[in-house]
Amino acid sequence: MREIYIIRHGESEANVSEFLDISPNNYIFDAELTNKGREQARKTSEKL
């Protein structure tokens, strides 16, 4: 039987931003990962 993993991305700059504006003109489409997010991604990759 196959296993399927659903993994959310690590913490991004948009996740920790104090400015939240959901209007289409100000939406962040490609936010960078924070240092914590990169560490989360690294730890996840080790477990896969």
C-alpha atoms as a PDB file:
ATOM      1  CA  MET A   1       0.000   0.000   0.000  1.00  0.00           C
ATOM      2  CA  ARG A   2       1.265   3.482  -0.854  1.00  0.00           C
ATOM      3  CA  GLU A   3       1.864   6.112   1.769  1.00  0.00           C
ATOM      4  CA  ILE A   4       0.977   9.704   1.040  1.00  0.00           C
ATOM      5  CA  TYR A   5       2.452  12.507   3.104  1.00  0.00           C
ATOM      6  CA  ILE A   6       0.928  15.959   3.239  1.00  0.00           C
ATOM      7  CA  ILE A   7       3.499  18.466   4.403  1.00  0.00           C
ATOM      8  CA  ARG A   8       2.915  22.149   4.915  1.00  0.00           C
ATOM      9  CA  HIS A   9       5.682  24.602   4.093  1.00  0.00           C
ATOM     10  CA  GLY A  10       7.823  25.994   6.895  1.00  0.00           C
ATOM     11  CA  GLU A  11       7.214  29.352   8.537  1.00  0.00           C
ATOM     12  CA  SER A  12       7.342  32.195   6.019  1.00  0.00           C
ATOM     13  CA  GLU A  13       7.789  35.950   6.286  1.00  0.00           C
ATOM     14  CA  ALA A  14       4.074  36.273   5.501  1.00  0.00           C
ATOM     15  CA  ASN A  15       3.210  34.023   8.469  1.00  0.00           C
ATOM     16  CA  VAL A  16       4.996  36.298  10.939  1.00  0.00           C
ATOM     17  CA  SER A  17       4.164  39.632   9.328  1.00  0.00           C
ATOM     18  CA  GLU A  18       2.308  42.035  11.590  1.00  0.00           C
ATOM     19  CA  PHE A  19       0.757  43.602   8.495  1.00  0.00           C
ATOM     20  CA  LEU A  20      -2.175  41.617   7.193  1.00  0.00           C
ATOM     21  CA  ASP A  21      -3.945  42.894   4.103  1.00  0.00           C
ATOM     22  CA  ILE A  22      -5.888  40.357   2.061  1.00  0.00           C
ATOM     23  CA  SER A  23      -6.732  42.700  -0.787  1.00  0.00           C
ATOM     24  CA  PRO A  24      -5.607  41.348  -4.197  1.00  0.00           C
ATOM     25  CA  ASN A  25      -3.292  44.320  -4.769  1.00  0.00           C
ATOM     26  CA  ASN A  26      -1.239  43.626  -1.646  1.00  0.00           C
ATOM     27  CA  TYR A  27      -1.223  39.828  -1.543  1.00  0.00           C
ATOM     28  CA  ILE A  28       2.169  38.159  -1.014  1.00  0.00           C
ATOM     29  CA  PHE A  29       2.507  35.381  -3.586  1.00  0.00           C
ATOM     30  CA  ASP A  30       6.076  34.254  -2.959  1.00  0.00           C
ATOM     31  CA  ALA A  31       7.099  34.989   0.614  1.00  0.00           C
ATOM     32  CA  GLU A  32      10.548  33.831   1.692  1.00  0.00           C
ATOM     33  CA  LEU A  33      10.974  31.334   4.503  1.00  0.00           C
ATOM     34  CA  THR A  34      12.211  32.648   7.824  1.00  0.00           C
ATOM     35  CA  ASN A  35      15.272  31.100   9.475  1.00  0.00           C
ATOM     36  CA  LYS A  36      12.843  29.068  11.587  1.00  0.00           C
ATOM     37  CA  GLY A  37      11.019  27.969   8.414  1.00  0.00           C
ATOM     38  CA  ARG A  38      14.260  26.807   6.788  1.00  0.00           C
ATOM     39  CA  GLU A  39      15.094  24.836   9.932  1.00  0.00           C
ATOM     40  CA  GLN A  40      11.601  23.286   9.938  1.00  0.00           C
ATOM     41  CA  ALA A  41      12.048  22.249   6.301  1.00  0.00           C
ATOM     42  CA  ARG A  42      15.498  20.784   7.012  1.00  0.00           C
ATOM     43  CA  LYS A  43      14.210  18.727   9.957  1.00  0.00           C
ATOM     44  CA  THR A  44      11.263  17.482   7.910  1.00  0.00           C
ATOM     45  CA  SER A  45      13.529  16.396   5.052  1.00  0.00           C
ATOM     46  CA  GLU A  46      15.617  14.331   7.488  1.00  0.00           C
ATOM     47  CA  LYS A  47      12.519  12.389   8.539  1.00  0.00           C
ATOM     48  CA  LEU A  48      11.476  11.561   4.987  1.00  0.00           C
END
